[in-house]
Amino acid sequence: MNLLQEAELHELYEMPPQEKQLYVITDINGLNWVLRKINAANAKLNEIKSLADAERERINAWEKKVSAGLISDVDYFEQKVIEYHSHVLANDTEQKSIVTPYGRVRSITNEAQPERIDDEVLFDYVVTNQLPYVEVNTSRKLQWGELKKTLKVVQHGNEQIVVDENGQAVPGVTVKPRTTTFKVEVDD
């Protein structure tokens, strides 16, 4: 942010809130004044964002640095707990959980079950053996972009309607009124 932008912001901060609320652009000089204020505010916002991003990076690096040893310790001790529970479970298959005042260890045993590894081979198998496990997708989808190119908005009495290329009114379609939008672009 340069000194001119700082001066613009200072002038803006000094302006009473009522005057800001009532400000009206009446000529090119007024427009230029407003665009200078927007430019200065955007420069300040960019400074704030840059500082915040730098601090976030610094904090994230610090967090990673101080957490690394603790994460390593947790992983190591969790492995020791698993080894102990495996040993207990080998001697007593009913000991599926162990509870202490500071936590609990549980074991869950899943039965063997099928898992897909090659969908194409599996699909060929199902088709070849005429098994009823093939889904046929018959959904319809409207190609709105292509249809819209053929439609027109026409005046019909006091209202506008949408018609097709044959002049027939198209049901299920409404007219979105004409709108004007504005975009303010300020140079850096």
C-alpha atoms as a PDB file:
ATOM      1  CA  MET A   1       0.000   0.000   0.000  1.00  0.00           C
ATOM      2  CA  ASN A   2       1.501   3.355  -1.011  1.00  0.00           C
ATOM      3  CA  LEU A   3       1.263   6.769   0.643  1.00  0.00           C
ATOM      4  CA  LEU A   4      -1.483   7.977  -1.697  1.00  0.00           C
ATOM      5  CA  GLN A   5      -3.618   4.962  -0.862  1.00  0.00           C
ATOM      6  CA  GLU A   6      -2.988   5.568   2.849  1.00  0.00           C
ATOM      7  CA  ALA A   7      -4.145   9.163   2.412  1.00  0.00           C
ATOM      8  CA  GLU A   8      -7.294   7.953   0.627  1.00  0.00           C
ATOM      9  CA  LEU A   9      -8.091   5.591   3.482  1.00  0.00           C
ATOM     10  CA  HIS A  10      -7.388   8.281   6.066  1.00  0.00           C
ATOM     11  CA  GLU A  11      -9.823  10.602   4.285  1.00  0.00           C
ATOM     12  CA  LEU A  12     -12.380   7.792   4.192  1.00  0.00           C
ATOM     13  CA  TYR A  13     -11.944   7.037   7.924  1.00  0.00           C
ATOM     14  CA  GLU A  14     -12.367  10.725   8.775  1.00  0.00           C
ATOM     15  CA  MET A  15     -15.639  10.930   6.833  1.00  0.00           C
ATOM     16  CA  PRO A  16     -18.705  10.858   9.128  1.00  0.00           C
ATOM     17  CA  PRO A  17     -20.880   7.726   8.638  1.00  0.00           C
ATOM     18  CA  GLN A  18     -23.917   9.864   7.722  1.00  0.00           C
ATOM     19  CA  GLU A  19     -21.963  11.527   4.931  1.00  0.00           C
ATOM     20  CA  LYS A  20     -20.893   8.104   3.570  1.00  0.00           C
ATOM     21  CA  GLN A  21     -24.528   6.976   3.580  1.00  0.00           C
ATOM     22  CA  LEU A  22     -25.692  10.060   1.673  1.00  0.00           C
ATOM     23  CA  TYR A  23     -22.823  10.222  -0.841  1.00  0.00           C
ATOM     24  CA  VAL A  24     -24.026  10.374  -4.457  1.00  0.00           C
ATOM     25  CA  ILE A  25     -21.826  10.275  -7.550  1.00  0.00           C
ATOM     26  CA  THR A  26     -22.851  13.197  -9.746  1.00  0.00           C
ATOM     27  CA  ASP A  27     -19.961  13.531 -12.174  1.00  0.00           C
ATOM     28  CA  ILE A  28     -16.718  11.956 -13.382  1.00  0.00           C
ATOM     29  CA  ASN A  29     -14.775  13.525 -10.506  1.00  0.00           C
ATOM     30  CA  GLY A  30     -17.099  11.893  -7.975  1.00  0.00           C
ATOM     31  CA  LEU A  31     -16.715   8.557  -9.740  1.00  0.00           C
ATOM     32  CA  ASN A  32     -12.934   8.943  -9.707  1.00  0.00           C
ATOM     33  CA  TRP A  33     -13.025   9.803  -5.975  1.00  0.00           C
ATOM     34  CA  VAL A  34     -15.004   6.624  -5.195  1.00  0.00           C
ATOM     35  CA  LEU A  35     -12.750   4.418  -7.340  1.00  0.00           C
ATOM     36  CA  ARG A  36      -9.685   5.803  -5.501  1.00  0.00           C
ATOM     37  CA  LYS A  37     -11.290   4.851  -2.183  1.00  0.00           C
ATOM     38  CA  ILE A  38     -12.084   1.351  -3.469  1.00  0.00           C
ATOM     39  CA  ASN A  39      -8.527   1.003  -4.767  1.00  0.00           C
ATOM     40  CA  ALA A  40      -7.089   2.017  -1.387  1.00  0.00           C
ATOM     41  CA  ALA A  41      -9.440  -0.324   0.517  1.00  0.00           C
ATOM     42  CA  ASN A  42      -8.536  -3.236  -1.796  1.00  0.00           C
ATOM     43  CA  ALA A  43      -4.822  -2.555  -1.284  1.00  0.00           C
ATOM     44  CA  LYS A  44      -5.313  -2.618   2.495  1.00  0.00           C
ATOM     45  CA  LEU A  45      -7.350  -5.849   2.234  1.00  0.00           C
ATOM     46  CA  ASN A  46      -4.527  -7.437   0.207  1.00  0.00           C
ATOM     47  CA  GLU A  47      -2.006  -6.402   2.883  1.00  0.00           C
ATOM     48  CA  ILE A  48      -4.164  -7.904   5.614  1.00  0.00           C
ATOM     49  CA  LYS A  49      -4.627 -11.145   3.667  1.00  0.00           C
ATOM     50  CA  SER A  50      -0.889 -11.435   2.951  1.00  0.00           C
ATOM     51  CA  LEU A  51      -0.031 -10.955   6.608  1.00  0.00           C
ATOM     52  CA  ALA A  52      -2.687 -13.433   7.731  1.00  0.00           C
ATOM     53  CA  ASP A  53      -1.498 -16.019   5.169  1.00  0.00           C
ATOM     54  CA  ALA A  54       2.110 -15.641   6.316  1.00  0.00           C
ATOM     55  CA  GLU A  55       1.082 -16.062   9.952  1.00  0.00           C
ATOM     56  CA  ARG A  56      -1.055 -19.116   9.130  1.00  0.00           C
ATOM     57  CA  GLU A  57       1.923 -20.724   7.366  1.00  0.00           C
ATOM     58  CA  ARG A  58       4.191 -19.949  10.307  1.00  0.00           C
ATOM     59  CA  ILE A  59       1.676 -21.337  12.814  1.00  0.00           C
ATOM     60  CA  ASN A  60       1.105 -24.464  10.715  1.00  0.00           C
ATOM     61  CA  ALA A  61       4.873 -25.061  10.490  1.00  0.00           C
ATOM     62  CA  TRP A  62       5.204 -24.601  14.264  1.00  0.00           C
ATOM     63  CA  GLU A  63       2.295 -26.993  14.907  1.00  0.00           C
ATOM     64  CA  LYS A  64       3.813 -29.620  12.631  1.00  0.00           C
ATOM     65  CA  LYS A  65       7.222 -29.256  14.284  1.00  0.00           C
ATOM     66  CA  VAL A  66       6.039 -29.551  17.888  1.00  0.00           C
ATOM     67  CA  SER A  67       3.497 -32.285  17.080  1.00  0.00           C
ATOM     68  CA  ALA A  68       5.840 -34.595  15.138  1.00  0.00           C
ATOM     69  CA  GLY A  69       7.459 -36.162  18.211  1.00  0.00           C
ATOM     70  CA  LEU A  70       4.116 -36.581  19.981  1.00  0.00           C
ATOM     71  CA  ILE A  71       2.518 -38.220  16.950  1.00  0.00           C
ATOM     72  CA  SER A  72       5.465 -40.594  16.720  1.00  0.00           C
ATOM     73  CA  ASP A  73       5.105 -41.452  20.426  1.00  0.00           C
ATOM     74  CA  VAL A  74       1.361 -42.064  20.080  1.00  0.00           C
ATOM     75  CA  ASP A  75       1.898 -44.359  17.062  1.00  0.00           C
ATOM     76  CA  TYR A  76       4.630 -46.281  18.888  1.00  0.00           C
ATOM     77  CA  PHE A  77       2.589 -46.814  22.047  1.00  0.00           C
ATOM     78  CA  GLU A  78      -0.576 -47.724  20.103  1.00  0.00           C
ATOM     79  CA  GLN A  79       1.456 -50.468  18.409  1.00  0.00           C
ATOM     80  CA  LYS A  80       2.574 -51.724  21.854  1.00  0.00           C
ATOM     81  CA  VAL A  81      -1.077 -51.799  23.011  1.00  0.00           C
ATOM     82  CA  ILE A  82      -2.067 -53.796  19.908  1.00  0.00           C
ATOM     83  CA  GLU A  83       0.775 -56.275  20.517  1.00  0.00           C
ATOM     84  CA  TYR A  84      -0.330 -56.716  24.142  1.00  0.00           C
ATOM     85  CA  HIS A  85      -3.995 -57.190  23.209  1.00  0.00           C
ATOM     86  CA  SER A  86      -3.040 -59.682  20.494  1.00  0.00           C
ATOM     87  CA  HIS A  87      -1.129 -61.683  23.110  1.00  0.00           C
ATOM     88  CA  VAL A  88      -4.098 -61.578  25.528  1.00  0.00           C
ATOM     89  CA  LEU A  89      -6.534 -62.543  22.744  1.00  0.00           C
ATOM     90  CA  ALA A  90      -4.338 -65.485  21.692  1.00  0.00           C
ATOM     91  CA  ASN A  91      -4.589 -66.870  25.248  1.00  0.00           C
ATOM     92  CA  ASP A  92      -8.272 -65.991  25.796  1.00  0.00           C
ATOM     93  CA  THR A  93     -10.447 -65.593  22.670  1.00  0.00           C
ATOM     94  CA  GLU A  94     -13.287 -64.149  24.771  1.00  0.00           C
ATOM     95  CA  GLN A  95     -11.184 -61.146  25.872  1.00  0.00           C
ATOM     96  CA  LYS A  96     -12.401 -58.897  23.016  1.00  0.00           C
ATOM     97  CA  SER A  97     -11.960 -55.712  25.043  1.00  0.00           C
ATOM     98  CA  ILE A  98      -9.740 -54.544  27.873  1.00  0.00           C
ATOM     99  CA  VAL A  99     -10.814 -51.577  29.999  1.00  0.00           C
ATOM    100  CA  THR A 100      -8.636 -49.396  32.233  1.00  0.00           C
ATOM    101  CA  PRO A 101      -9.396 -46.087  33.973  1.00  0.00           C
ATOM    102  CA  TYR A 102      -7.646 -44.307  31.090  1.00  0.00           C
ATOM    103  CA  GLY A 103      -9.214 -46.068  28.153  1.00  0.00           C
ATOM    104  CA  ARG A 104     -10.255 -49.207  26.464  1.00  0.00           C
ATOM    105  CA  VAL A 105      -8.895 -51.516  23.768  1.00  0.00           C
ATOM    106  CA  ARG A 106     -11.297 -53.454  21.567  1.00  0.00           C
ATOM    107  CA  SER A 107     -10.845 -56.104  18.954  1.00  0.00           C
ATOM    108  CA  ILE A 108     -13.305 -56.715  16.166  1.00  0.00           C
ATOM    109  CA  THR A 109     -13.072 -59.833  14.046  1.00  0.00           C
ATOM    110  CA  ASN A 110     -14.768 -59.863  10.668  1.00  0.00           C
ATOM    111  CA  GLU A 111     -15.604 -63.026   8.829  1.00  0.00           C
ATOM    112  CA  ALA A 112     -14.062 -63.617   5.410  1.00  0.00           C
ATOM    113  CA  GLN A 113     -16.130 -62.054   2.629  1.00  0.00           C
ATOM    114  CA  PRO A 114     -15.880 -61.340  -1.098  1.00  0.00           C
ATOM    115  CA  GLU A 115     -14.247 -58.136  -2.360  1.00  0.00           C
ATOM    116  CA  ARG A 116     -14.299 -56.812  -5.923  1.00  0.00           C
ATOM    117  CA  ILE A 117     -10.926 -56.390  -7.584  1.00  0.00           C
ATOM    118  CA  ASP A 118     -11.762 -56.371 -11.330  1.00  0.00           C
ATOM    119  CA  ASP A 119     -15.225 -55.120 -12.236  1.00  0.00           C
ATOM    120  CA  GLU A 120     -14.895 -55.963 -15.939  1.00  0.00           C
ATOM    121  CA  VAL A 121     -14.089 -59.618 -15.312  1.00  0.00           C
ATOM    122  CA  LEU A 122     -16.853 -59.833 -12.713  1.00  0.00           C
ATOM    123  CA  PHE A 123     -19.348 -58.192 -15.092  1.00  0.00           C
ATOM    124  CA  ASP A 124     -18.444 -60.643 -17.891  1.00  0.00           C
ATOM    125  CA  TYR A 125     -18.959 -63.515 -15.460  1.00  0.00           C
ATOM    126  CA  VAL A 126     -22.431 -62.294 -14.471  1.00  0.00           C
ATOM    127  CA  VAL A 127     -23.484 -61.759 -18.114  1.00  0.00           C
ATOM    128  CA  THR A 128     -22.054 -65.072 -19.329  1.00  0.00           C
ATOM    129  CA  ASN A 129     -23.895 -66.975 -16.609  1.00  0.00           C
ATOM    130  CA  GLN A 130     -27.096 -64.953 -17.137  1.00  0.00           C
ATOM    131  CA  LEU A 131     -27.279 -63.918 -13.500  1.00  0.00           C
ATOM    132  CA  PRO A 132     -29.878 -61.248 -12.644  1.00  0.00           C
ATOM    133  CA  TYR A 133     -27.355 -58.824 -11.144  1.00  0.00           C
ATOM    134  CA  VAL A 134     -26.927 -56.400 -14.029  1.00  0.00           C
ATOM    135  CA  GLU A 135     -28.568 -52.972 -13.743  1.00  0.00           C
ATOM    136  CA  VAL A 136     -29.777 -51.458 -16.988  1.00  0.00           C
ATOM    137  CA  ASN A 137     -29.834 -47.683 -16.887  1.00  0.00           C
ATOM    138  CA  THR A 138     -32.794 -46.317 -18.839  1.00  0.00           C
ATOM    139  CA  SER A 139     -33.013 -42.834 -17.385  1.00  0.00           C
ATOM    140  CA  ARG A 140     -33.895 -39.894 -19.623  1.00  0.00           C
ATOM    141  CA  LYS A 141     -32.025 -36.627 -19.582  1.00  0.00           C
ATOM    142  CA  LEU A 142     -33.150 -33.390 -21.200  1.00  0.00           C
ATOM    143  CA  GLN A 143     -30.564 -31.635 -23.369  1.00  0.00           C
ATOM    144  CA  TRP A 144     -31.630 -28.166 -22.222  1.00  0.00           C
ATOM    145  CA  GLY A 145     -28.752 -26.295 -23.892  1.00  0.00           C
ATOM    146  CA  GLU A 146     -29.667 -27.632 -27.329  1.00  0.00           C
ATOM    147  CA  LEU A 147     -33.424 -27.101 -26.832  1.00  0.00           C
ATOM    148  CA  LYS A 148     -32.912 -23.555 -25.551  1.00  0.00           C
ATOM    149  CA  LYS A 149     -31.158 -22.618 -28.823  1.00  0.00           C
ATOM    150  CA  THR A 150     -34.413 -23.303 -30.723  1.00  0.00           C
ATOM    151  CA  LEU A 151     -36.718 -21.303 -28.405  1.00  0.00           C
ATOM    152  CA  LYS A 152     -37.768 -17.655 -28.699  1.00  0.00           C
ATOM    153  CA  VAL A 153     -39.359 -15.133 -26.342  1.00  0.00           C
ATOM    154  CA  VAL A 154     -42.295 -13.331 -27.959  1.00  0.00           C
ATOM    155  CA  GLN A 155     -44.851 -10.774 -26.825  1.00  0.00           C
ATOM    156  CA  HIS A 156     -48.357 -12.265 -26.486  1.00  0.00           C
ATOM    157  CA  GLY A 157     -50.854  -9.631 -25.430  1.00  0.00           C
ATOM    158  CA  ASN A 158     -49.579  -8.013 -22.241  1.00  0.00           C
ATOM    159  CA  GLU A 159     -47.081 -10.774 -21.426  1.00  0.00           C
ATOM    160  CA  GLN A 160     -44.049 -12.453 -22.879  1.00  0.00           C
ATOM    161  CA  ILE A 161     -44.104 -16.192 -23.579  1.00  0.00           C
ATOM    162  CA  VAL A 162     -41.659 -18.811 -24.829  1.00  0.00           C
ATOM    163  CA  VAL A 163     -42.369 -20.443 -28.189  1.00  0.00           C
ATOM    164  CA  ASP A 164     -40.662 -23.126 -30.252  1.00  0.00           C
ATOM    165  CA  GLU A 165     -39.550 -22.773 -33.868  1.00  0.00           C
ATOM    166  CA  ASN A 166     -43.147 -23.512 -35.014  1.00  0.00           C
ATOM    167  CA  GLY A 167     -44.582 -20.705 -32.872  1.00  0.00           C
ATOM    168  CA  GLN A 168     -46.160 -23.075 -30.347  1.00  0.00           C
ATOM    169  CA  ALA A 169     -46.088 -22.052 -26.667  1.00  0.00           C
ATOM    170  CA  VAL A 170     -43.714 -24.291 -24.721  1.00  0.00           C
ATOM    171  CA  PRO A 171     -45.123 -25.569 -21.416  1.00  0.00           C
ATOM    172  CA  GLY A 172     -42.881 -25.844 -18.370  1.00  0.00           C
ATOM    173  CA  VAL A 173     -40.781 -22.867 -19.416  1.00  0.00           C
ATOM    174  CA  THR A 174     -41.082 -19.316 -18.155  1.00  0.00           C
ATOM    175  CA  VAL A 175     -39.528 -16.052 -19.241  1.00  0.00           C
ATOM    176  CA  LYS A 176     -36.644 -14.773 -17.170  1.00  0.00           C
ATOM    177  CA  PRO A 177     -36.921 -10.986 -17.400  1.00  0.00           C
ATOM    178  CA  ARG A 178     -34.140  -8.946 -18.914  1.00  0.00           C
ATOM    179  CA  THR A 179     -31.695  -7.725 -16.285  1.00  0.00           C
ATOM    180  CA  THR A 180     -28.698  -5.451 -16.187  1.00  0.00           C
ATOM    181  CA  THR A 181     -25.746  -6.221 -13.979  1.00  0.00           C
ATOM    182  CA  PHE A 182     -22.774  -4.041 -13.157  1.00  0.00           C
ATOM    183  CA  LYS A 183     -19.227  -4.975 -12.313  1.00  0.00           C
ATOM    184  CA  VAL A 184     -16.803  -2.558 -10.723  1.00  0.00           C
ATOM    185  CA  GLU A 185     -13.181  -3.104 -11.715  1.00  0.00           C
ATOM    186  CA  VAL A 186     -10.462  -1.153  -9.969  1.00  0.00           C
ATOM    187  CA  ASP A 187      -6.861  -1.126 -11.122  1.00  0.00           C
ATOM    188  CA  ASP A 188      -4.183  -2.096  -8.637  1.00  0.00           C
END
